[in-house]
N, C-alpha and C. Protein backbone atom coordinates (compact mmCIF):
# COMPACT_ATOMS: atom_id res chain seq x y z
N UNK A 1 30.66 -5.26 29.68
CA UNK A 1 29.69 -5.45 30.85
C UNK A 1 29.98 -6.28 31.99
N UNK A 2 30.72 -7.04 31.49
CA UNK A 2 31.00 -8.00 32.85
C UNK A 2 31.68 -7.41 33.94
N UNK A 3 32.47 -6.19 33.58
CA UNK A 3 33.31 -5.57 34.68
C UNK A 3 32.38 -4.84 35.52
N UNK A 4 31.02 -4.58 34.85
CA UNK A 4 30.17 -3.62 35.80
C UNK A 4 29.15 -4.52 36.53
N UNK A 5 29.16 -5.76 36.07
CA UNK A 5 28.06 -6.80 36.54
C UNK A 5 28.57 -7.38 38.22
N UNK A 6 27.82 -7.61 38.77
CA UNK A 6 28.08 -8.16 39.98
C UNK A 6 28.68 -9.41 40.01
N UNK A 7 29.40 -10.12 40.64
CA UNK A 7 30.31 -10.98 40.84
C UNK A 7 29.72 -12.54 40.23
N UNK A 8 28.56 -12.95 40.77
CA UNK A 8 27.62 -13.95 40.41
C UNK A 8 26.66 -13.99 39.21
N UNK A 9 26.51 -12.77 38.44
CA UNK A 9 25.61 -12.67 37.46
C UNK A 9 26.38 -12.95 36.36
N UNK A 10 25.77 -13.50 35.26
CA UNK A 10 26.17 -13.87 34.11
C UNK A 10 25.65 -13.16 33.21
N UNK A 11 26.33 -12.46 32.12
CA UNK A 11 25.99 -12.02 30.91
C UNK A 11 25.99 -12.64 29.51
N UNK A 12 25.02 -12.63 28.89
CA UNK A 12 24.85 -13.47 27.52
C UNK A 12 24.37 -12.37 26.43
N UNK A 13 25.02 -12.03 25.55
CA UNK A 13 24.39 -11.15 24.29
C UNK A 13 23.90 -12.20 23.21
N UNK A 14 22.70 -11.70 22.76
CA UNK A 14 22.13 -12.35 21.15
C UNK A 14 21.62 -11.66 20.51
N UNK A 15 21.45 -12.30 19.37
CA UNK A 15 20.61 -11.24 18.17
C UNK A 15 19.28 -11.37 18.55
N UNK A 16 18.57 -10.35 18.25
CA UNK A 16 17.20 -10.42 18.40
C UNK A 16 16.41 -11.23 17.21
N UNK A 17 15.03 -11.76 17.75
CA UNK A 17 14.35 -12.49 16.66
C UNK A 17 13.68 -11.42 15.80
N UNK A 18 13.71 -11.92 14.56
CA UNK A 18 12.98 -10.79 13.70
C UNK A 18 11.69 -11.54 13.44
N UNK A 19 10.59 -10.82 13.41
CA UNK A 19 9.33 -11.08 13.03
C UNK A 19 8.75 -10.50 11.94
N UNK A 20 8.64 -10.38 10.80
CA UNK A 20 8.23 -10.04 9.42
C UNK A 20 6.64 -9.85 9.54
N UNK A 21 6.38 -8.72 8.71
CA UNK A 21 4.71 -8.45 8.49
C UNK A 21 4.79 -8.27 6.99
N UNK A 22 3.82 -8.86 6.60
CA UNK A 22 3.70 -8.85 5.04
C UNK A 22 1.97 -8.25 4.70
N UNK A 23 1.81 -7.49 3.97
CA UNK A 23 0.58 -6.80 3.50
C UNK A 23 0.24 -7.65 2.09
N UNK A 24 -1.35 -7.83 1.91
CA UNK A 24 -1.86 -8.42 0.56
C UNK A 24 -3.05 -7.48 0.47
N UNK A 25 -3.02 -6.98 -0.23
CA UNK A 25 -4.58 -5.77 -0.95
C UNK A 25 -4.50 -5.69 -2.13
N UNK A 26 -5.62 -5.21 -2.78
CA UNK A 26 -5.80 -4.63 -3.85
C UNK A 26 -6.05 -2.96 -3.62
N UNK A 27 -5.67 -2.24 -4.49
CA UNK A 27 -5.77 -0.71 -4.42
C UNK A 27 -6.13 -0.14 -5.75
N UNK A 28 -6.92 0.85 -5.85
CA UNK A 28 -7.36 1.62 -6.87
C UNK A 28 -6.59 3.00 -6.65
N UNK A 29 -5.75 3.54 -7.50
CA UNK A 29 -5.28 5.01 -7.50
C UNK A 29 -6.25 5.78 -8.02
N UNK A 30 -6.02 6.97 -7.68
CA UNK A 30 -6.93 8.26 -8.32
C UNK A 30 -6.06 8.49 -9.74
N UNK A 31 -7.23 8.83 -10.68
CA UNK A 31 -6.78 9.13 -11.73
C UNK A 31 -5.55 9.80 -12.41
N UNK A 32 -4.83 9.33 -12.91
CA UNK A 32 -3.70 9.98 -13.31
C UNK A 32 -2.32 9.46 -12.60
N UNK A 33 -2.54 8.43 -11.77
CA UNK A 33 -1.46 7.72 -10.98
C UNK A 33 -1.44 6.30 -11.54
N UNK A 34 -0.29 6.23 -12.33
CA UNK A 34 -0.24 4.72 -13.09
C UNK A 34 0.15 3.62 -11.93
N UNK A 35 -0.50 2.58 -12.17
CA UNK A 35 -0.54 1.63 -11.17
C UNK A 35 1.12 0.98 -10.98
N UNK A 36 1.94 0.66 -11.99
CA UNK A 36 3.00 0.05 -11.70
C UNK A 36 4.03 0.95 -11.14
N UNK A 37 4.16 2.23 -11.24
CA UNK A 37 4.89 3.04 -10.44
C UNK A 37 4.45 3.17 -8.88
N UNK A 38 3.20 3.79 -9.21
CA UNK A 38 2.83 4.15 -7.75
C UNK A 38 2.47 2.80 -6.45
N UNK A 39 2.54 1.62 -7.27
CA UNK A 39 2.30 0.52 -6.32
C UNK A 39 3.85 0.28 -5.88
N UNK A 40 4.83 0.25 -6.56
CA UNK A 40 6.23 0.24 -6.09
C UNK A 40 6.56 1.33 -5.00
N UNK A 41 6.05 2.64 -5.16
CA UNK A 41 6.34 3.58 -4.27
C UNK A 41 5.57 3.36 -3.03
N UNK A 42 4.21 3.06 -2.95
CA UNK A 42 3.52 2.48 -1.70
C UNK A 42 4.36 1.19 -0.94
N UNK A 43 4.61 0.27 -1.94
CA UNK A 43 5.65 -0.78 -1.01
C UNK A 43 6.95 -0.07 -0.31
N UNK A 44 7.44 0.67 -1.11
CA UNK A 44 8.47 1.26 -0.30
C UNK A 44 8.11 1.80 0.82
N UNK A 45 7.04 2.61 1.01
CA UNK A 45 6.63 3.58 2.15
C UNK A 45 6.09 2.62 3.24
N UNK A 46 5.57 1.56 2.59
CA UNK A 46 5.40 0.30 3.75
C UNK A 46 6.53 -0.16 4.22
N UNK A 47 7.55 -0.59 3.47
CA UNK A 47 8.98 -1.05 4.02
C UNK A 47 9.48 -0.09 5.21
N UNK A 48 9.61 1.18 4.54
CA UNK A 48 10.05 2.29 5.46
C UNK A 48 9.33 2.41 6.62
N UNK A 49 8.13 2.39 6.64
CA UNK A 49 7.44 2.68 8.04
C UNK A 49 7.40 1.35 9.06
N UNK A 50 7.53 0.21 8.44
CA UNK A 50 7.68 -0.80 9.32
C UNK A 50 9.39 -1.13 9.65
N UNK A 51 10.05 -0.90 8.83
CA UNK A 51 11.55 -0.82 9.34
C UNK A 51 12.23 0.31 9.09
N UNK A 52 11.96 1.40 10.00
CA UNK A 52 12.51 2.64 9.80
C UNK A 52 14.15 2.59 10.28
N UNK A 53 14.42 2.15 10.91
CA UNK A 53 15.90 1.96 11.35
C UNK A 53 16.75 1.22 10.21
N UNK A 54 16.11 0.52 9.07
CA UNK A 54 16.85 0.14 8.08
C UNK A 54 17.14 1.28 7.29
N UNK A 55 16.57 2.39 7.05
CA UNK A 55 16.66 3.27 6.14
C UNK A 55 17.48 4.45 6.95
N UNK A 56 17.28 4.62 8.24
CA UNK A 56 17.85 5.55 8.94
C UNK A 56 18.53 4.98 10.15
N UNK A 57 19.89 4.52 10.14
CA UNK A 57 20.62 3.95 11.21
C UNK A 57 20.48 4.68 12.59
N UNK A 58 20.13 6.19 12.57
CA UNK A 58 19.84 6.68 13.81
C UNK A 58 18.52 6.66 14.58
N UNK A 59 17.65 5.82 13.86
CA UNK A 59 16.21 5.39 14.14
C UNK A 59 16.21 4.22 15.08
N UNK A 60 15.88 4.51 16.50
CA UNK A 60 15.77 3.48 17.34
C UNK A 60 15.18 2.07 16.81
N UNK A 61 15.73 1.43 17.37
CA UNK A 61 14.99 -0.43 17.56
C UNK A 61 13.88 -0.47 18.48
N UNK A 62 12.63 -1.05 18.24
CA UNK A 62 11.60 -1.12 18.96
C UNK A 62 11.45 -2.68 19.45
N UNK A 63 11.60 -3.36 20.52
CA UNK A 63 11.61 -4.65 20.76
C UNK A 63 10.36 -4.77 21.22
N UNK A 64 9.73 -6.11 21.06
CA UNK A 64 8.48 -6.57 21.53
C UNK A 64 7.51 -5.51 20.69
N UNK A 65 6.28 -5.39 21.30
CA UNK A 65 5.05 -4.70 20.56
C UNK A 65 3.95 -5.13 20.03
N UNK A 66 3.31 -4.47 19.43
CA UNK A 66 2.13 -4.88 18.64
C UNK A 66 1.87 -4.05 17.33
N UNK A 67 1.68 -4.76 16.26
CA UNK A 67 1.42 -4.02 14.99
C UNK A 67 -0.21 -4.29 14.37
N UNK A 68 -1.00 -3.11 14.32
CA UNK A 68 -2.20 -3.32 14.17
C UNK A 68 -2.45 -3.05 12.64
N UNK A 69 -3.21 -3.99 12.18
CA UNK A 69 -3.70 -4.24 10.55
C UNK A 69 -4.56 -2.53 10.35
N UNK A 70 -5.29 -2.52 11.42
CA UNK A 70 -6.15 -1.24 11.13
C UNK A 70 -5.16 0.33 10.85
N UNK A 71 -3.92 -0.01 11.52
CA UNK A 71 -3.07 1.33 11.56
C UNK A 71 -2.49 1.16 10.44
N UNK A 72 -2.15 0.24 9.56
CA UNK A 72 -1.49 0.05 8.38
C UNK A 72 -2.31 0.17 7.25
N UNK A 73 -3.65 -0.13 7.43
CA UNK A 73 -4.78 0.28 6.47
C UNK A 73 -4.99 1.86 6.34
N UNK A 74 -4.90 2.20 7.61
CA UNK A 74 -5.25 3.95 7.73
C UNK A 74 -3.92 4.47 6.76
N UNK A 75 -2.60 3.94 7.08
CA UNK A 75 -1.49 4.47 6.28
C UNK A 75 -1.54 4.49 5.04
N UNK A 76 -2.18 3.14 4.22
CA UNK A 76 -2.27 3.16 3.01
C UNK A 76 -3.34 4.15 2.61
N UNK A 77 -4.57 4.23 3.14
CA UNK A 77 -5.56 4.98 2.63
C UNK A 77 -5.40 6.49 2.75
N UNK A 78 -4.26 6.74 3.51
CA UNK A 78 -4.21 8.42 3.86
C UNK A 78 -3.09 8.72 2.57
N UNK A 79 -2.72 7.65 1.85
CA UNK A 79 -1.65 8.39 0.76
C UNK A 79 -2.40 8.98 -0.09
N UNK A 80 -1.60 10.07 -0.77
CA UNK A 80 -2.74 10.85 -1.45
C UNK A 80 -3.02 10.36 -2.81
N UNK A 81 -2.29 9.36 -3.21
CA UNK A 81 -2.54 8.58 -4.55
C UNK A 81 -3.61 7.72 -4.70
N UNK A 82 -3.71 7.06 -3.40
CA UNK A 82 -4.86 6.05 -3.16
C UNK A 82 -6.29 6.57 -3.29
N UNK A 83 -7.09 5.84 -4.11
CA UNK A 83 -8.42 6.16 -4.18
C UNK A 83 -9.02 5.51 -3.38
N UNK A 84 -8.93 4.24 -2.86
CA UNK A 84 -9.43 3.01 -2.32
C UNK A 84 -8.88 1.98 -2.06
N UNK A 85 -8.86 0.93 -1.17
CA UNK A 85 -8.46 -0.39 -0.91
C UNK A 85 -9.29 -1.30 -0.78
N UNK A 86 -9.12 -2.49 -1.30
CA UNK A 86 -10.06 -3.84 -0.80
C UNK A 86 -9.21 -5.00 -0.44
N UNK A 87 -9.85 -5.93 0.04
CA UNK A 87 -9.26 -7.41 0.48
C UNK A 87 -7.94 -6.92 1.15
N UNK A 88 -7.98 -6.18 2.11
CA UNK A 88 -6.52 -5.77 3.11
C UNK A 88 -6.38 -6.99 3.96
N UNK A 89 -5.37 -7.81 3.72
CA UNK A 89 -4.93 -8.97 4.68
C UNK A 89 -3.42 -8.51 5.35
N UNK A 90 -3.33 -8.94 6.32
CA UNK A 90 -1.92 -8.82 6.81
C UNK A 90 -1.52 -10.11 7.61
N UNK A 91 -0.22 -10.61 7.48
CA UNK A 91 0.34 -11.69 7.90
C UNK A 91 1.54 -11.31 8.67
N UNK A 92 1.55 -12.21 9.72
CA UNK A 92 2.59 -12.25 11.11
C UNK A 92 3.54 -13.19 10.61
N UNK A 93 4.80 -12.96 10.14
CA UNK A 93 5.48 -13.94 9.77
C UNK A 93 6.57 -14.27 10.77
N UNK A 94 6.27 -15.69 11.15
CA UNK A 94 7.18 -16.05 12.27
C UNK A 94 7.97 -17.60 12.03
N UNK A 95 7.90 -17.80 10.78
CA UNK A 95 8.49 -18.87 9.95
C UNK A 95 7.89 -20.34 10.39
N UNK A 96 6.43 -20.19 10.47
CA UNK A 96 5.71 -21.59 11.07
C UNK A 96 4.55 -21.71 10.31
N UNK A 97 3.56 -22.60 10.36
CA UNK A 97 2.14 -22.71 9.48
C UNK A 97 1.18 -21.49 9.48
N UNK A 98 1.47 -21.01 10.66
CA UNK A 98 0.54 -19.59 10.83
C UNK A 98 0.83 -18.72 10.15
N UNK A 99 1.90 -18.61 9.36
CA UNK A 99 2.14 -17.54 8.30
C UNK A 99 1.36 -17.00 7.45
N UNK A 100 0.35 -17.89 7.10
CA UNK A 100 -0.57 -17.53 5.95
C UNK A 100 -2.14 -17.27 6.51
N UNK A 101 -2.18 -17.06 7.94
CA UNK A 101 -3.45 -16.79 8.37
C UNK A 101 -3.50 -15.12 8.62
N UNK A 102 -4.61 -14.63 8.09
CA UNK A 102 -4.91 -13.14 8.03
C UNK A 102 -5.29 -12.81 9.73
N UNK A 103 -4.39 -11.58 10.07
CA UNK A 103 -4.14 -11.25 11.37
C UNK A 103 -4.90 -10.01 11.67
N UNK A 104 -5.51 -9.19 12.62
CA UNK A 104 -6.21 -8.08 12.91
C UNK A 104 -4.80 -7.33 13.58
N UNK A 105 -4.06 -8.26 14.35
CA UNK A 105 -2.88 -7.62 15.26
C UNK A 105 -1.90 -8.58 15.15
N UNK A 106 -0.77 -7.98 15.07
CA UNK A 106 0.63 -9.10 15.40
C UNK A 106 1.36 -8.68 16.58
N UNK A 107 1.38 -9.56 17.73
CA UNK A 107 2.07 -9.45 18.82
C UNK A 107 3.26 -10.19 18.78
N UNK A 108 4.32 -9.38 19.38
CA UNK A 108 5.72 -9.98 19.33
C UNK A 108 5.47 -11.52 20.37
N UNK A 109 6.27 -12.57 19.95
CA UNK A 109 6.08 -13.83 20.51
C UNK A 109 7.11 -13.96 21.73
N UNK A 110 8.00 -12.90 21.72
CA UNK A 110 8.99 -12.81 22.41
C UNK A 110 9.48 -11.06 23.07
N UNK A 111 10.20 -11.26 24.38
CA UNK A 111 10.32 -9.90 24.38
C UNK A 111 11.60 -9.38 23.45
N UNK A 112 12.54 -10.31 23.27
CA UNK A 112 13.40 -9.87 21.94
C UNK A 112 13.16 -9.56 20.95
N UNK A 113 11.88 -9.87 20.30
CA UNK A 113 11.49 -9.77 19.07
C UNK A 113 11.77 -8.34 18.37
N UNK A 114 11.86 -8.41 17.23
CA UNK A 114 11.80 -7.04 16.26
C UNK A 114 10.83 -7.08 15.31
N UNK A 115 9.82 -6.23 15.12
CA UNK A 115 9.18 -6.41 13.95
C UNK A 115 9.73 -5.93 12.82
N UNK A 116 9.86 -6.30 11.65
CA UNK A 116 10.47 -5.71 10.01
C UNK A 116 9.34 -5.96 9.28
N UNK A 117 9.59 -5.26 8.17
CA UNK A 117 8.64 -5.56 6.98
C UNK A 117 9.16 -6.53 6.29
N UNK A 118 8.26 -7.30 5.61
CA UNK A 118 8.50 -8.34 4.62
C UNK A 118 9.33 -7.76 3.50
N UNK A 119 10.13 -8.49 2.65
CA UNK A 119 11.05 -7.67 1.49
C UNK A 119 9.83 -7.12 0.63
N UNK A 120 8.79 -7.58 0.55
CA UNK A 120 7.83 -6.97 -0.56
C UNK A 120 6.41 -7.35 0.15
N UNK A 121 5.63 -6.61 -0.26
CA UNK A 121 4.06 -6.74 -0.06
C UNK A 121 3.41 -6.96 -1.32
N UNK A 122 2.18 -7.66 -1.26
CA UNK A 122 1.38 -8.10 -2.69
C UNK A 122 0.36 -7.14 -2.70
N UNK A 123 0.73 -6.24 -3.82
CA UNK A 123 -0.46 -5.16 -4.06
C UNK A 123 -0.94 -5.43 -5.40
N UNK A 124 -1.98 -5.34 -5.70
CA UNK A 124 -2.66 -5.84 -6.76
C UNK A 124 -3.62 -4.63 -7.26
N UNK A 125 -3.77 -4.47 -8.67
CA UNK A 125 -4.92 -3.38 -8.90
C UNK A 125 -6.27 -3.90 -8.74
N UNK A 126 -7.23 -3.04 -8.50
CA UNK A 126 -8.95 -3.34 -8.29
C UNK A 126 -8.96 -3.43 -9.78
N UNK A 127 -9.93 -4.55 -10.34
CA UNK A 127 -10.09 -4.85 -11.40
C UNK A 127 -11.58 -3.87 -11.92
N UNK A 128 -11.91 -3.63 -12.87
CA UNK A 128 -12.79 -2.70 -13.37
C UNK A 128 -14.38 -3.04 -12.79
N UNK A 129 -14.35 -4.70 -13.02
CA UNK A 129 -15.85 -5.20 -12.51
C UNK A 129 -16.13 -5.00 -10.97
N UNK A 130 -14.71 -4.84 -10.00
CA UNK A 130 -14.90 -4.91 -8.62
C UNK A 130 -15.51 -3.43 -8.52
N UNK A 131 -16.59 -3.45 -7.23
CA UNK A 131 -17.23 -2.13 -6.70
C UNK A 131 -16.44 -1.87 -5.76
N UNK A 132 -16.28 -0.55 -5.23
CA UNK A 132 -15.63 0.17 -4.25
C UNK A 132 -16.00 -0.18 -2.86
């Protein structure tokens, strides 16, 4: 790139900043869908949705942007195995004290940031005494 740049322009390359998204919620699956297996499948779907380029190297990276909690809730609720979801929380992981605050949207803190899925998401079963 230096060969293509004008004489007094410096070029510097660096890795992007990664900002994680972690979800924490309770779910009730439809009858016949065992919790342990289908919660793992749901976690896998969430990781693939938030980090599609990790599974498919041909998928382009998106820098910056916004992740909306409502869009992720829709994704979970639209899964054919899910009956309903409660206590849905989203955390924007940046390596600071605010990582434990439930947010409705996560905005990239810098233009070179890439949103990634946290390694796992906290999915718990809805207990019998909790109403839908």
